[in-house]
Amino acid sequence: MRIRLAILVTLVACTDHGVERLTRIKHDVCACKDTHCADQAMSEVPRVPIRSTSRTQAIARDMVECRARLEAAERPSTDPDAEDGAGSDEDSPAPAGSAAPAPAKAAPAKAAPAKAAR
């Protein structure tokens, strides 16, 4: 009976510590600016089972949502009409297969009229 009580006390203490640790990791993940940083922070999640409670599930959900936002921000757009980030240059030709009209070419400068020889 004493052993069970000792294990129960240990589990309760570890659970509170586990929640605190998960909360710190969540803050680290959500503070990251890229997925590599978030992955490093998430690697600190304990490998031992943590008792699943509504609180630990909410913390885990927040961590995953923060990482998903970072991943979505890094994912290249598949929208053909989206800006490519290089800026739009009026003089650059439209990409092959594009429905965009080709830019107007500047007319060659007119030569000065030749003076008539008298």
N, C-alpha and C. Protein backbone atom coordinates (compact mmCIF):
# COMPACT_ATOMS: atom_id res chain seq x y z
N MET A 1 0.81 -1.18 0.00
CA MET A 1 0.00 0.00 0.00
C MET A 1 0.87 1.26 0.00
N ARG A 2 1.97 1.24 0.72
CA ARG A 2 2.87 2.40 0.77
C ARG A 2 3.46 2.67 -0.61
N ILE A 3 3.75 1.60 -1.32
CA ILE A 3 4.35 1.77 -2.65
C ILE A 3 3.34 2.47 -3.59
N ARG A 4 2.11 2.05 -3.51
CA ARG A 4 1.09 2.68 -4.36
C ARG A 4 0.93 4.16 -4.02
N LEU A 5 0.95 4.48 -2.77
CA LEU A 5 0.83 5.87 -2.35
C LEU A 5 2.03 6.68 -2.85
N ALA A 6 3.22 6.11 -2.74
CA ALA A 6 4.43 6.80 -3.22
C ALA A 6 4.36 7.02 -4.72
N ILE A 7 3.89 6.01 -5.47
CA ILE A 7 3.78 6.15 -6.93
C ILE A 7 2.74 7.21 -7.27
N LEU A 8 1.62 7.21 -6.57
CA LEU A 8 0.58 8.19 -6.82
C LEU A 8 1.08 9.61 -6.57
N VAL A 9 1.78 9.82 -5.48
CA VAL A 9 2.34 11.14 -5.16
C VAL A 9 3.34 11.55 -6.23
N THR A 10 4.18 10.62 -6.65
CA THR A 10 5.17 10.90 -7.70
C THR A 10 4.48 11.27 -9.00
N LEU A 11 3.44 10.54 -9.38
CA LEU A 11 2.74 10.83 -10.62
C LEU A 11 2.07 12.20 -10.58
N VAL A 12 1.48 12.55 -9.46
CA VAL A 12 0.84 13.86 -9.35
C VAL A 12 1.89 14.96 -9.46
N ALA A 13 3.01 14.78 -8.80
CA ALA A 13 4.09 15.78 -8.86
C ALA A 13 4.64 15.87 -10.27
N CYS A 14 4.81 14.73 -10.92
CA CYS A 14 5.34 14.73 -12.29
C CYS A 14 4.34 15.34 -13.26
N THR A 15 3.08 15.12 -13.01
CA THR A 15 2.06 15.67 -13.89
C THR A 15 2.11 17.18 -13.87
N ASP A 16 2.17 17.78 -12.69
CA ASP A 16 2.26 19.24 -12.61
C ASP A 16 3.54 19.73 -13.27
N HIS A 17 4.63 19.03 -13.02
CA HIS A 17 5.89 19.39 -13.65
C HIS A 17 5.79 19.20 -15.16
N GLY A 18 5.12 18.12 -15.57
CA GLY A 18 4.94 17.86 -17.00
C GLY A 18 4.14 18.94 -17.69
N VAL A 19 3.09 19.42 -17.03
CA VAL A 19 2.28 20.50 -17.60
C VAL A 19 3.11 21.77 -17.70
N GLU A 20 3.88 22.08 -16.67
CA GLU A 20 4.74 23.27 -16.70
C GLU A 20 5.76 23.16 -17.84
N ARG A 21 6.33 21.98 -17.99
CA ARG A 21 7.33 21.77 -19.04
C ARG A 21 6.69 21.90 -20.42
N LEU A 22 5.51 21.32 -20.59
CA LEU A 22 4.82 21.45 -21.88
C LEU A 22 4.47 22.90 -22.18
N THR A 23 4.08 23.63 -21.15
CA THR A 23 3.75 25.05 -21.33
C THR A 23 4.98 25.84 -21.78
N ARG A 24 6.12 25.58 -21.17
CA ARG A 24 7.37 26.25 -21.58
C ARG A 24 7.71 25.90 -23.03
N ILE A 25 7.57 24.63 -23.38
CA ILE A 25 7.88 24.20 -24.75
C ILE A 25 6.91 24.88 -25.73
N LYS A 26 5.64 24.95 -25.35
CA LYS A 26 4.65 25.61 -26.21
C LYS A 26 5.04 27.07 -26.46
N HIS A 27 5.45 27.78 -25.42
CA HIS A 27 5.88 29.17 -25.58
C HIS A 27 7.09 29.26 -26.50
N ASP A 28 8.01 28.32 -26.37
CA ASP A 28 9.19 28.31 -27.24
C ASP A 28 8.79 28.07 -28.70
N VAL A 29 7.91 27.11 -28.92
CA VAL A 29 7.47 26.79 -30.29
C VAL A 29 6.76 27.98 -30.90
N CYS A 30 5.87 28.61 -30.15
CA CYS A 30 5.09 29.72 -30.68
C CYS A 30 5.94 30.98 -30.87
N ALA A 31 7.09 31.06 -30.21
CA ALA A 31 7.98 32.21 -30.38
C ALA A 31 8.90 32.05 -31.59
N CYS A 32 8.95 30.86 -32.17
CA CYS A 32 9.85 30.60 -33.30
C CYS A 32 9.40 31.34 -34.55
N LYS A 33 10.37 31.62 -35.42
CA LYS A 33 10.11 32.30 -36.68
C LYS A 33 10.14 31.35 -37.87
N ASP A 34 10.61 30.11 -37.68
CA ASP A 34 10.62 29.13 -38.77
C ASP A 34 10.40 27.73 -38.22
N THR A 35 10.12 26.79 -39.12
CA THR A 35 9.79 25.43 -38.69
C THR A 35 10.98 24.71 -38.09
N HIS A 36 12.18 25.04 -38.53
CA HIS A 36 13.37 24.38 -37.97
C HIS A 36 13.47 24.68 -36.47
N CYS A 37 13.27 25.92 -36.11
CA CYS A 37 13.29 26.32 -34.69
C CYS A 37 12.18 25.61 -33.93
N ALA A 38 10.98 25.57 -34.52
CA ALA A 38 9.84 24.91 -33.85
C ALA A 38 10.11 23.42 -33.66
N ASP A 39 10.71 22.79 -34.67
CA ASP A 39 11.03 21.36 -34.55
C ASP A 39 12.03 21.12 -33.44
N GLN A 40 13.02 22.01 -33.32
CA GLN A 40 14.00 21.87 -32.24
C GLN A 40 13.32 22.02 -30.88
N ALA A 41 12.43 22.98 -30.76
CA ALA A 41 11.73 23.18 -29.49
C ALA A 41 10.84 21.98 -29.18
N MET A 42 10.16 21.45 -30.19
CA MET A 42 9.27 20.32 -29.97
C MET A 42 10.04 19.03 -29.65
N SER A 43 11.31 18.99 -30.01
CA SER A 43 12.10 17.80 -29.68
C SER A 43 12.33 17.69 -28.17
N GLU A 44 12.05 18.76 -27.43
CA GLU A 44 12.19 18.76 -25.98
C GLU A 44 10.99 18.13 -25.26
N VAL A 45 9.93 17.81 -26.02
CA VAL A 45 8.75 17.18 -25.42
C VAL A 45 9.20 15.83 -24.84
N PRO A 46 8.86 15.55 -23.60
CA PRO A 46 9.30 14.31 -22.98
C PRO A 46 8.81 13.07 -23.75
N ARG A 47 9.68 12.09 -23.83
CA ARG A 47 9.34 10.85 -24.53
C ARG A 47 8.50 9.91 -23.66
N VAL A 48 8.51 10.16 -22.37
CA VAL A 48 7.72 9.33 -21.46
C VAL A 48 6.26 9.77 -21.57
N PRO A 49 5.34 8.85 -21.37
CA PRO A 49 3.92 9.22 -21.48
C PRO A 49 3.54 10.27 -20.43
N ILE A 50 2.78 11.24 -20.88
CA ILE A 50 2.25 12.26 -20.00
C ILE A 50 0.75 12.00 -19.90
N ARG A 51 0.24 12.08 -18.69
CA ARG A 51 -1.18 11.81 -18.51
C ARG A 51 -2.00 12.78 -19.34
N SER A 52 -2.90 12.25 -20.13
CA SER A 52 -3.73 13.05 -21.00
C SER A 52 -4.88 13.67 -20.22
N THR A 53 -4.88 14.99 -20.17
CA THR A 53 -5.97 15.73 -19.54
C THR A 53 -6.41 16.81 -20.52
N SER A 54 -7.48 17.47 -20.21
CA SER A 54 -7.92 18.54 -21.11
C SER A 54 -6.85 19.64 -21.19
N ARG A 55 -6.15 19.85 -20.10
CA ARG A 55 -5.11 20.88 -20.08
C ARG A 55 -3.91 20.49 -20.95
N THR A 56 -3.44 19.25 -20.82
CA THR A 56 -2.30 18.82 -21.65
C THR A 56 -2.70 18.75 -23.11
N GLN A 57 -3.94 18.36 -23.40
CA GLN A 57 -4.40 18.32 -24.78
C GLN A 57 -4.47 19.71 -25.39
N ALA A 58 -4.91 20.69 -24.61
CA ALA A 58 -4.98 22.07 -25.10
C ALA A 58 -3.58 22.61 -25.38
N ILE A 59 -2.63 22.30 -24.51
CA ILE A 59 -1.25 22.74 -24.71
C ILE A 59 -0.69 22.11 -25.99
N ALA A 60 -0.91 20.81 -26.15
CA ALA A 60 -0.42 20.12 -27.34
C ALA A 60 -1.06 20.69 -28.61
N ARG A 61 -2.35 20.96 -28.56
CA ARG A 61 -3.06 21.53 -29.71
C ARG A 61 -2.48 22.90 -30.08
N ASP A 62 -2.21 23.72 -29.07
CA ASP A 62 -1.62 25.04 -29.32
C ASP A 62 -0.24 24.92 -29.97
N MET A 63 0.56 23.96 -29.48
CA MET A 63 1.89 23.75 -30.06
C MET A 63 1.78 23.37 -31.53
N VAL A 64 0.90 22.45 -31.83
CA VAL A 64 0.74 21.99 -33.21
C VAL A 64 0.22 23.11 -34.10
N GLU A 65 -0.70 23.93 -33.58
CA GLU A 65 -1.22 25.05 -34.36
C GLU A 65 -0.14 26.09 -34.65
N CYS A 66 0.72 26.36 -33.68
CA CYS A 66 1.82 27.31 -33.91
C CYS A 66 2.76 26.78 -34.99
N ARG A 67 3.07 25.50 -34.93
CA ARG A 67 3.96 24.93 -35.93
C ARG A 67 3.30 24.91 -37.30
N ALA A 68 2.01 24.64 -37.34
CA ALA A 68 1.28 24.61 -38.62
C ALA A 68 1.28 25.99 -39.27
N ARG A 69 1.13 27.05 -38.45
CA ARG A 69 1.18 28.41 -39.00
C ARG A 69 2.54 28.70 -39.62
N LEU A 70 3.60 28.26 -38.95
CA LEU A 70 4.95 28.47 -39.50
C LEU A 70 5.12 27.72 -40.81
N GLU A 71 4.63 26.49 -40.84
CA GLU A 71 4.76 25.68 -42.04
C GLU A 71 3.96 26.29 -43.20
N ALA A 72 2.78 26.79 -42.92
CA ALA A 72 1.96 27.42 -43.97
C ALA A 72 2.63 28.68 -44.50
N ALA A 73 3.29 29.42 -43.63
CA ALA A 73 3.97 30.64 -44.05
C ALA A 73 5.18 30.33 -44.93
N GLU A 74 5.82 29.19 -44.72
CA GLU A 74 7.00 28.83 -45.49
C GLU A 74 6.66 28.11 -46.80
N ARG A 75 5.43 27.60 -46.89
CA ARG A 75 5.03 26.83 -48.07
C ARG A 75 4.88 27.77 -49.27
N PRO A 76 5.47 27.43 -50.41
CA PRO A 76 5.31 28.29 -51.58
C PRO A 76 3.87 28.25 -52.08
N SER A 77 3.44 29.33 -52.64
CA SER A 77 2.07 29.44 -53.12
C SER A 77 1.90 28.62 -54.40
N THR A 78 0.76 28.00 -54.54
CA THR A 78 0.45 27.28 -55.78
C THR A 78 -0.50 28.09 -56.65
N ASP A 79 -0.80 29.31 -56.20
CA ASP A 79 -1.67 30.20 -56.95
C ASP A 79 -0.88 30.85 -58.07
N PRO A 80 -1.25 30.60 -59.34
CA PRO A 80 -0.48 31.18 -60.44
C PRO A 80 -0.60 32.70 -60.52
N ASP A 81 -1.62 33.26 -59.91
CA ASP A 81 -1.80 34.71 -59.94
C ASP A 81 -1.14 35.42 -58.77
N ALA A 82 -0.59 34.65 -57.83
CA ALA A 82 0.01 35.25 -56.65
C ALA A 82 1.34 35.90 -57.00
N GLU A 83 1.65 36.94 -56.26
CA GLU A 83 2.94 37.59 -56.43
C GLU A 83 4.04 36.60 -56.09
N ASP A 84 5.11 36.61 -56.85
CA ASP A 84 6.19 35.67 -56.57
C ASP A 84 7.22 36.24 -55.62
N GLY A 85 6.99 37.44 -55.14
CA GLY A 85 7.90 38.02 -54.17
C GLY A 85 9.06 38.75 -54.82
N ALA A 86 9.25 38.58 -56.14
CA ALA A 86 10.35 39.24 -56.83
C ALA A 86 9.96 40.64 -57.24
N GLY A 87 8.74 41.01 -57.02
CA GLY A 87 8.28 42.33 -57.42
C GLY A 87 7.85 42.29 -58.87
N SER A 88 6.94 43.14 -59.24
CA SER A 88 6.50 43.14 -60.62
C SER A 88 7.29 44.18 -61.37
N ASP A 89 7.91 43.76 -62.42
CA ASP A 89 8.72 44.63 -63.24
C ASP A 89 7.99 44.79 -64.56
N GLU A 90 7.61 45.97 -64.90
CA GLU A 90 6.83 46.21 -66.12
C GLU A 90 7.59 45.78 -67.36
N ASP A 91 8.91 45.85 -67.34
CA ASP A 91 9.68 45.53 -68.53
C ASP A 91 9.97 44.04 -68.68
N SER A 92 9.69 43.26 -67.66
CA SER A 92 9.99 41.84 -67.75
C SER A 92 8.90 41.16 -68.57
N PRO A 93 9.30 40.21 -69.40
CA PRO A 93 8.31 39.52 -70.23
C PRO A 93 7.43 38.64 -69.37
N ALA A 94 6.24 38.38 -69.88
CA ALA A 94 5.32 37.49 -69.17
C ALA A 94 5.87 36.08 -69.24
N PRO A 95 5.69 35.28 -68.21
CA PRO A 95 6.19 33.91 -68.24
C PRO A 95 5.53 33.11 -69.36
N ALA A 96 6.25 32.12 -69.85
CA ALA A 96 5.73 31.28 -70.92
C ALA A 96 4.43 30.64 -70.47
N GLY A 97 3.44 30.66 -71.34
CA GLY A 97 2.17 30.06 -71.01
C GLY A 97 1.28 30.97 -70.18
N SER A 98 1.71 32.19 -69.96
CA SER A 98 0.94 33.11 -69.15
C SER A 98 -0.14 33.77 -69.99
N ALA A 99 -1.24 34.08 -69.37
CA ALA A 99 -2.31 34.78 -70.05
C ALA A 99 -2.09 36.28 -70.00
N ALA A 100 -1.04 36.69 -69.33
CA ALA A 100 -0.77 38.12 -69.20
C ALA A 100 -0.30 38.67 -70.54
N PRO A 101 -0.74 39.87 -70.89
CA PRO A 101 -0.28 40.45 -72.15
C PRO A 101 1.19 40.81 -72.07
N ALA A 102 1.84 40.74 -73.21
CA ALA A 102 3.25 41.11 -73.27
C ALA A 102 3.35 42.61 -73.07
N PRO A 103 4.42 43.07 -72.43
CA PRO A 103 4.57 44.52 -72.23
C PRO A 103 4.78 45.22 -73.57
N ALA A 104 4.31 46.44 -73.66
CA ALA A 104 4.48 47.22 -74.88
C ALA A 104 5.95 47.56 -75.04
N LYS A 105 6.42 47.40 -76.26
CA LYS A 105 7.82 47.72 -76.52
C LYS A 105 7.91 49.19 -76.90
N ALA A 106 8.96 49.80 -76.46
CA ALA A 106 9.15 51.21 -76.76
C ALA A 106 9.49 51.36 -78.23
N ALA A 107 8.91 52.35 -78.85
CA ALA A 107 9.19 52.62 -80.27
C ALA A 107 10.60 53.14 -80.38
N PRO A 108 11.29 52.73 -81.46
CA PRO A 108 12.66 53.23 -81.62
C PRO A 108 12.64 54.76 -81.78
N ALA A 109 13.65 55.36 -81.26
CA ALA A 109 13.74 56.81 -81.34
C ALA A 109 13.87 57.22 -82.79
N LYS A 110 13.13 58.25 -83.14
CA LYS A 110 13.18 58.73 -84.52
C LYS A 110 14.49 59.47 -84.72
N ALA A 111 15.04 59.23 -85.88
CA ALA A 111 16.29 59.91 -86.21
C ALA A 111 15.95 61.34 -86.58
N ALA A 112 16.84 62.21 -86.29
CA ALA A 112 16.62 63.61 -86.64
C ALA A 112 16.56 63.71 -88.16
N PRO A 113 15.67 64.53 -88.68
CA PRO A 113 15.57 64.65 -90.15
C PRO A 113 16.91 65.13 -90.72
N ALA A 114 17.27 64.46 -91.76
CA ALA A 114 18.53 64.82 -92.43
C ALA A 114 18.37 66.19 -93.07
N LYS A 115 19.37 66.96 -92.93
CA LYS A 115 19.32 68.29 -93.55
C LYS A 115 19.54 68.10 -95.05
N ALA A 116 18.71 68.73 -95.76
CA ALA A 116 18.82 68.62 -97.20
C ALA A 116 20.04 69.38 -97.67
N ALA A 117 20.75 68.72 -98.53
CA ALA A 117 21.93 69.37 -99.08
C ALA A 117 21.47 70.36 -100.12
N ARG A 118 21.86 71.55 -100.06
CA ARG A 118 21.46 72.57 -101.02
C ARG A 118 22.48 72.82 -102.00
